[in-house]
């Protein structure tokens, strides 16, 4: 679920960046292309629509971000990497070391003669 939410957040971020780039605070942008009086949507309608889309995307991004924080994997389930490793590591650390075979000391036969 967390992965799906993160993917949705990335999609909304790309859309939000595109919508913000379409806008122009000085009156240009997408609204400048619709300045003819015979258009269905006038300049004012276009800027209002783009502004509403921006606010909707911001709200969706906020909700997705909060829900992603709620669904962060905590590591206490069986799919966690640390679940099996911790038990096996504790067993291997607490196990008694195996006795090493005695290595005979090498004597130099040449020095004894």
N, C-alpha and C. Protein backbone atom coordinates (compact mmCIF):
# COMPACT_ATOMS: atom_id res chain seq x y z
N UNK A 1 0.83 -1.20 0.00
CA UNK A 1 0.00 0.00 0.00
C UNK A 1 0.87 1.26 0.00
N UNK A 2 1.96 1.18 0.75
CA UNK A 2 2.86 2.32 0.83
C UNK A 2 3.45 2.65 -0.54
N UNK A 3 3.82 1.63 -1.28
CA UNK A 3 4.41 1.83 -2.61
C UNK A 3 3.42 2.48 -3.56
N UNK A 4 2.17 2.07 -3.49
CA UNK A 4 1.13 2.67 -4.34
C UNK A 4 0.95 4.15 -4.02
N UNK A 5 0.96 4.47 -2.73
CA UNK A 5 0.78 5.87 -2.32
C UNK A 5 1.97 6.71 -2.79
N UNK A 6 3.17 6.16 -2.69
CA UNK A 6 4.35 6.91 -3.13
C UNK A 6 4.30 7.16 -4.64
N UNK A 7 3.86 6.17 -5.39
CA UNK A 7 3.74 6.34 -6.84
C UNK A 7 2.70 7.41 -7.16
N UNK A 8 1.58 7.40 -6.45
CA UNK A 8 0.56 8.44 -6.65
C UNK A 8 1.09 9.82 -6.29
N UNK A 9 1.90 9.90 -5.24
CA UNK A 9 2.49 11.18 -4.86
C UNK A 9 3.40 11.69 -5.98
N UNK A 10 4.19 10.82 -6.56
CA UNK A 10 5.07 11.24 -7.66
C UNK A 10 4.27 11.72 -8.87
N UNK A 11 3.18 11.04 -9.19
CA UNK A 11 2.33 11.46 -10.31
C UNK A 11 1.72 12.82 -10.05
N UNK A 12 1.21 13.02 -8.84
CA UNK A 12 0.59 14.31 -8.48
C UNK A 12 1.65 15.42 -8.51
N UNK A 13 2.86 15.13 -8.08
CA UNK A 13 3.93 16.14 -8.10
C UNK A 13 4.26 16.56 -9.53
N UNK A 14 4.32 15.60 -10.44
CA UNK A 14 4.60 15.94 -11.83
C UNK A 14 3.46 16.78 -12.41
N UNK A 15 2.23 16.38 -12.14
CA UNK A 15 1.08 17.16 -12.63
C UNK A 15 1.06 18.56 -12.04
N UNK A 16 1.37 18.65 -10.76
CA UNK A 16 1.38 19.96 -10.10
C UNK A 16 2.46 20.86 -10.70
N UNK A 17 3.61 20.30 -10.97
CA UNK A 17 4.68 21.09 -11.60
C UNK A 17 4.26 21.56 -12.99
N UNK A 18 3.59 20.70 -13.75
CA UNK A 18 3.14 21.09 -15.08
C UNK A 18 2.10 22.19 -15.01
N UNK A 19 1.17 22.08 -14.08
CA UNK A 19 0.11 23.09 -13.96
C UNK A 19 0.70 24.42 -13.49
N UNK A 20 1.66 24.38 -12.59
CA UNK A 20 2.28 25.62 -12.12
C UNK A 20 3.07 26.28 -13.24
N UNK A 21 3.72 25.47 -14.08
CA UNK A 21 4.46 26.06 -15.19
C UNK A 21 3.55 26.66 -16.25
N UNK A 22 2.32 26.16 -16.36
CA UNK A 22 1.36 26.72 -17.30
C UNK A 22 0.93 28.11 -16.85
N UNK A 23 0.85 28.30 -15.55
CA UNK A 23 0.42 29.59 -15.02
C UNK A 23 1.52 30.63 -15.19
N UNK A 24 1.09 31.85 -15.23
CA UNK A 24 2.02 32.97 -15.23
C UNK A 24 1.42 34.05 -14.37
N UNK A 25 2.13 34.48 -13.37
CA UNK A 25 1.57 35.44 -12.43
C UNK A 25 1.38 36.83 -13.03
N UNK A 26 1.98 37.09 -14.18
CA UNK A 26 1.85 38.41 -14.81
C UNK A 26 0.74 38.45 -15.85
N UNK A 27 -0.11 37.45 -15.89
CA UNK A 27 -1.23 37.47 -16.80
C UNK A 27 -0.98 36.74 -18.09
N UNK A 28 0.18 36.19 -18.27
CA UNK A 28 0.49 35.46 -19.49
C UNK A 28 0.13 33.99 -19.30
N UNK A 29 0.97 33.12 -19.74
CA UNK A 29 0.76 31.68 -19.59
C UNK A 29 -0.32 31.18 -20.52
N UNK A 30 -1.07 30.21 -20.07
CA UNK A 30 -2.11 29.60 -20.88
C UNK A 30 -3.23 30.60 -21.17
N UNK A 31 -3.50 31.47 -20.24
CA UNK A 31 -4.59 32.43 -20.41
C UNK A 31 -4.31 33.41 -21.56
N UNK A 32 -3.06 33.68 -21.88
CA UNK A 32 -2.73 34.61 -22.95
C UNK A 32 -3.13 34.07 -24.32
N UNK A 33 -3.20 32.76 -24.46
CA UNK A 33 -3.58 32.16 -25.74
C UNK A 33 -5.08 32.26 -26.03
N UNK A 34 -5.87 32.52 -25.01
CA UNK A 34 -7.33 32.55 -25.18
C UNK A 34 -7.87 33.98 -25.06
N UNK A 35 -7.22 34.91 -25.66
CA UNK A 35 -7.65 36.31 -25.53
C UNK A 35 -8.70 36.71 -26.57
N UNK A 36 -8.98 35.83 -27.53
CA UNK A 36 -9.99 36.16 -28.54
C UNK A 36 -11.37 36.14 -27.90
N UNK A 37 -12.27 37.06 -28.30
CA UNK A 37 -13.58 37.14 -27.65
C UNK A 37 -14.52 35.98 -28.02
N UNK A 38 -14.25 35.25 -29.09
CA UNK A 38 -15.17 34.19 -29.49
C UNK A 38 -14.81 32.82 -28.88
N UNK A 39 -13.89 32.79 -27.96
CA UNK A 39 -13.52 31.54 -27.31
C UNK A 39 -14.59 31.14 -26.30
N UNK A 40 -14.72 29.83 -26.07
CA UNK A 40 -15.71 29.33 -25.10
C UNK A 40 -15.31 29.74 -23.69
N UNK A 41 -14.02 29.55 -23.39
CA UNK A 41 -13.53 29.96 -22.08
C UNK A 41 -12.69 31.21 -22.28
N UNK A 42 -13.03 32.26 -21.60
CA UNK A 42 -12.28 33.49 -21.73
C UNK A 42 -11.01 33.45 -20.90
N UNK A 43 -10.32 34.58 -20.83
CA UNK A 43 -9.08 34.67 -20.08
C UNK A 43 -9.32 34.44 -18.61
N UNK A 44 -10.36 35.03 -18.11
CA UNK A 44 -10.65 34.92 -16.67
C UNK A 44 -11.03 33.49 -16.32
N UNK A 45 -11.83 32.85 -17.13
CA UNK A 45 -12.24 31.47 -16.86
C UNK A 45 -11.04 30.52 -16.88
N UNK A 46 -10.12 30.74 -17.81
CA UNK A 46 -8.96 29.86 -17.91
C UNK A 46 -8.08 29.99 -16.68
N UNK A 47 -7.82 31.21 -16.23
CA UNK A 47 -6.98 31.39 -15.05
C UNK A 47 -7.65 30.83 -13.82
N UNK A 48 -8.98 30.96 -13.71
CA UNK A 48 -9.69 30.39 -12.57
C UNK A 48 -9.62 28.87 -12.60
N UNK A 49 -9.75 28.28 -13.77
CA UNK A 49 -9.71 26.83 -13.90
C UNK A 49 -8.33 26.30 -13.55
N UNK A 50 -7.29 26.94 -14.06
CA UNK A 50 -5.93 26.49 -13.76
C UNK A 50 -5.63 26.66 -12.27
N UNK A 51 -6.13 27.73 -11.67
CA UNK A 51 -5.93 27.95 -10.24
C UNK A 51 -6.68 26.89 -9.42
N UNK A 52 -7.89 26.54 -9.84
CA UNK A 52 -8.63 25.48 -9.13
C UNK A 52 -7.94 24.13 -9.26
N UNK A 53 -7.40 23.85 -10.44
CA UNK A 53 -6.66 22.59 -10.62
C UNK A 53 -5.44 22.57 -9.70
N UNK A 54 -4.76 23.70 -9.58
CA UNK A 54 -3.59 23.78 -8.71
C UNK A 54 -3.97 23.49 -7.26
N UNK A 55 -5.04 24.10 -6.80
CA UNK A 55 -5.45 23.91 -5.41
C UNK A 55 -5.92 22.47 -5.16
N UNK A 56 -6.59 21.88 -6.14
CA UNK A 56 -7.01 20.48 -5.99
C UNK A 56 -5.80 19.55 -5.92
N UNK A 57 -4.82 19.79 -6.76
CA UNK A 57 -3.61 18.96 -6.73
C UNK A 57 -2.84 19.12 -5.42
N UNK A 58 -2.82 20.34 -4.90
CA UNK A 58 -2.17 20.57 -3.61
C UNK A 58 -2.90 19.82 -2.50
N UNK A 59 -4.22 19.85 -2.52
CA UNK A 59 -5.00 19.13 -1.50
C UNK A 59 -4.80 17.62 -1.61
N UNK A 60 -4.78 17.11 -2.84
CA UNK A 60 -4.55 15.67 -3.04
C UNK A 60 -3.15 15.29 -2.56
N UNK A 61 -2.17 16.13 -2.85
CA UNK A 61 -0.80 15.87 -2.40
C UNK A 61 -0.71 15.86 -0.88
N UNK A 62 -1.42 16.74 -0.23
CA UNK A 62 -1.44 16.79 1.24
C UNK A 62 -2.04 15.51 1.82
N UNK A 63 -3.18 15.09 1.27
CA UNK A 63 -3.84 13.87 1.76
C UNK A 63 -2.97 12.65 1.51
N UNK A 64 -2.37 12.56 0.35
CA UNK A 64 -1.50 11.42 0.04
C UNK A 64 -0.26 11.40 0.93
N UNK A 65 0.29 12.55 1.22
CA UNK A 65 1.47 12.61 2.08
C UNK A 65 1.14 12.17 3.50
N UNK A 66 0.00 12.60 4.01
CA UNK A 66 -0.41 12.18 5.35
C UNK A 66 -0.72 10.69 5.40
N UNK A 67 -1.35 10.18 4.35
CA UNK A 67 -1.65 8.74 4.33
C UNK A 67 -0.37 7.92 4.15
N UNK A 68 0.61 8.43 3.44
CA UNK A 68 1.88 7.73 3.30
C UNK A 68 2.59 7.64 4.65
N UNK A 69 2.48 8.70 5.43
CA UNK A 69 3.09 8.67 6.77
C UNK A 69 2.41 7.63 7.66
N UNK A 70 1.13 7.41 7.45
CA UNK A 70 0.41 6.42 8.25
C UNK A 70 0.74 4.99 7.82
N UNK A 71 1.12 4.79 6.56
CA UNK A 71 1.37 3.45 6.04
C UNK A 71 2.86 3.12 5.90
N UNK A 72 3.73 3.87 6.55
CA UNK A 72 5.17 3.58 6.47
C UNK A 72 5.42 2.22 7.10
N UNK A 73 6.16 1.35 6.42
CA UNK A 73 6.49 0.05 7.01
C UNK A 73 7.34 0.24 8.26
N UNK A 74 6.90 -0.34 9.38
CA UNK A 74 7.57 -0.15 10.66
C UNK A 74 8.63 -1.20 10.96
N UNK A 75 8.63 -2.33 10.27
CA UNK A 75 9.64 -3.34 10.51
C UNK A 75 9.24 -4.38 11.54
N UNK A 76 7.99 -4.41 11.99
CA UNK A 76 7.57 -5.39 12.97
C UNK A 76 6.77 -6.53 12.36
N UNK A 77 6.72 -6.61 11.05
CA UNK A 77 6.01 -7.70 10.40
C UNK A 77 7.02 -8.75 9.91
N UNK A 78 6.54 -9.84 9.37
CA UNK A 78 7.40 -10.94 8.97
C UNK A 78 8.20 -10.65 7.71
N UNK A 79 7.83 -9.62 6.97
CA UNK A 79 8.55 -9.31 5.73
C UNK A 79 9.77 -8.44 5.98
N UNK A 80 10.00 -8.07 7.22
CA UNK A 80 11.13 -7.20 7.53
C UNK A 80 12.44 -7.96 7.39
N UNK A 81 13.47 -7.28 7.02
CA UNK A 81 14.77 -7.90 6.88
C UNK A 81 15.40 -8.22 8.23
N UNK A 82 15.07 -7.45 9.26
CA UNK A 82 15.72 -7.64 10.55
C UNK A 82 15.07 -8.74 11.38
N UNK A 83 13.91 -9.22 11.03
CA UNK A 83 13.22 -10.21 11.84
C UNK A 83 14.00 -11.52 11.92
N UNK A 84 14.34 -12.11 10.79
CA UNK A 84 15.05 -13.37 10.79
C UNK A 84 16.53 -13.22 11.11
N UNK A 85 17.12 -12.10 10.76
CA UNK A 85 18.54 -11.91 10.94
C UNK A 85 18.88 -11.79 12.42
N UNK A 86 18.07 -11.08 13.18
CA UNK A 86 18.35 -10.88 14.59
C UNK A 86 18.36 -12.18 15.38
N UNK A 87 17.45 -13.07 15.10
CA UNK A 87 17.37 -14.34 15.81
C UNK A 87 18.56 -15.22 15.45
N UNK A 88 18.88 -15.33 14.19
CA UNK A 88 20.01 -16.16 13.76
C UNK A 88 21.33 -15.60 14.27
N UNK A 89 21.47 -14.30 14.27
CA UNK A 89 22.71 -13.69 14.74
C UNK A 89 22.88 -13.90 16.24
N UNK A 90 21.80 -13.82 17.00
CA UNK A 90 21.88 -14.04 18.44
C UNK A 90 22.26 -15.48 18.74
N UNK A 91 21.76 -16.43 17.98
CA UNK A 91 22.09 -17.84 18.19
C UNK A 91 23.56 -18.09 17.89
N UNK A 92 24.07 -17.48 16.83
CA UNK A 92 25.46 -17.72 16.48
C UNK A 92 26.42 -17.04 17.45
N UNK A 93 26.04 -15.92 18.03
CA UNK A 93 26.90 -15.23 18.98
C UNK A 93 26.93 -15.98 20.31
N UNK A 94 25.79 -16.51 20.75
CA UNK A 94 25.70 -17.19 22.03
C UNK A 94 26.20 -18.63 21.98
N UNK A 95 26.44 -19.17 20.84
CA UNK A 95 26.91 -20.55 20.73
C UNK A 95 28.34 -20.64 21.25
N UNK A 96 28.64 -21.76 21.91
CA UNK A 96 29.98 -21.96 22.46
C UNK A 96 30.97 -22.14 21.32
N UNK A 97 32.13 -21.55 21.45
CA UNK A 97 33.12 -21.73 20.38
C UNK A 97 33.61 -23.17 20.36
N UNK A 98 33.87 -23.66 19.19
CA UNK A 98 34.34 -25.03 19.05
C UNK A 98 35.82 -25.09 19.41
N UNK A 99 36.19 -26.21 20.03
CA UNK A 99 37.58 -26.38 20.44
C UNK A 99 38.46 -26.53 19.21
N UNK A 100 39.56 -25.85 19.24
CA UNK A 100 40.51 -25.92 18.13
C UNK A 100 41.45 -27.11 18.36
N UNK A 101 41.73 -27.85 17.33
CA UNK A 101 42.68 -28.96 17.51
C UNK A 101 44.07 -28.43 17.85
N UNK A 102 44.75 -29.16 18.74
CA UNK A 102 46.08 -28.73 19.17
C UNK A 102 47.06 -28.91 18.02
N UNK A 103 47.82 -27.90 17.78
CA UNK A 103 48.83 -27.93 16.72
C UNK A 103 50.17 -28.23 17.40
N UNK A 104 50.83 -29.32 17.01
CA UNK A 104 52.11 -29.63 17.66
C UNK A 104 53.15 -28.57 17.33
N UNK A 105 53.97 -28.31 18.33
CA UNK A 105 55.05 -27.34 18.15
C UNK A 105 56.10 -27.92 17.23
N UNK A 106 56.55 -27.15 16.33
CA UNK A 106 57.60 -27.61 15.43
C UNK A 106 58.95 -27.50 16.13
N UNK A 107 59.70 -28.55 16.08
CA UNK A 107 61.03 -28.52 16.67
C UNK A 107 62.06 -28.54 15.56
N UNK A 108 63.11 -27.89 15.79
CA UNK A 108 64.17 -27.84 14.78
C UNK A 108 65.20 -28.93 15.12
N UNK A 109 65.17 -29.97 14.33
CA UNK A 109 66.05 -31.11 14.57
C UNK A 109 67.50 -30.76 14.31
N UNK A 110 67.75 -29.79 13.50
CA UNK A 110 69.11 -29.43 13.13
C UNK A 110 69.82 -28.76 14.30
N UNK A 111 69.10 -28.04 15.16
CA UNK A 111 69.73 -27.34 16.26
C UNK A 111 70.06 -28.27 17.41
N UNK A 112 69.40 -29.42 17.51
CA UNK A 112 69.65 -30.34 18.60
C UNK A 112 70.92 -31.14 18.37
N UNK A 113 71.37 -31.32 17.23
CA UNK A 113 72.55 -32.13 16.95
C UNK A 113 73.81 -31.41 17.15
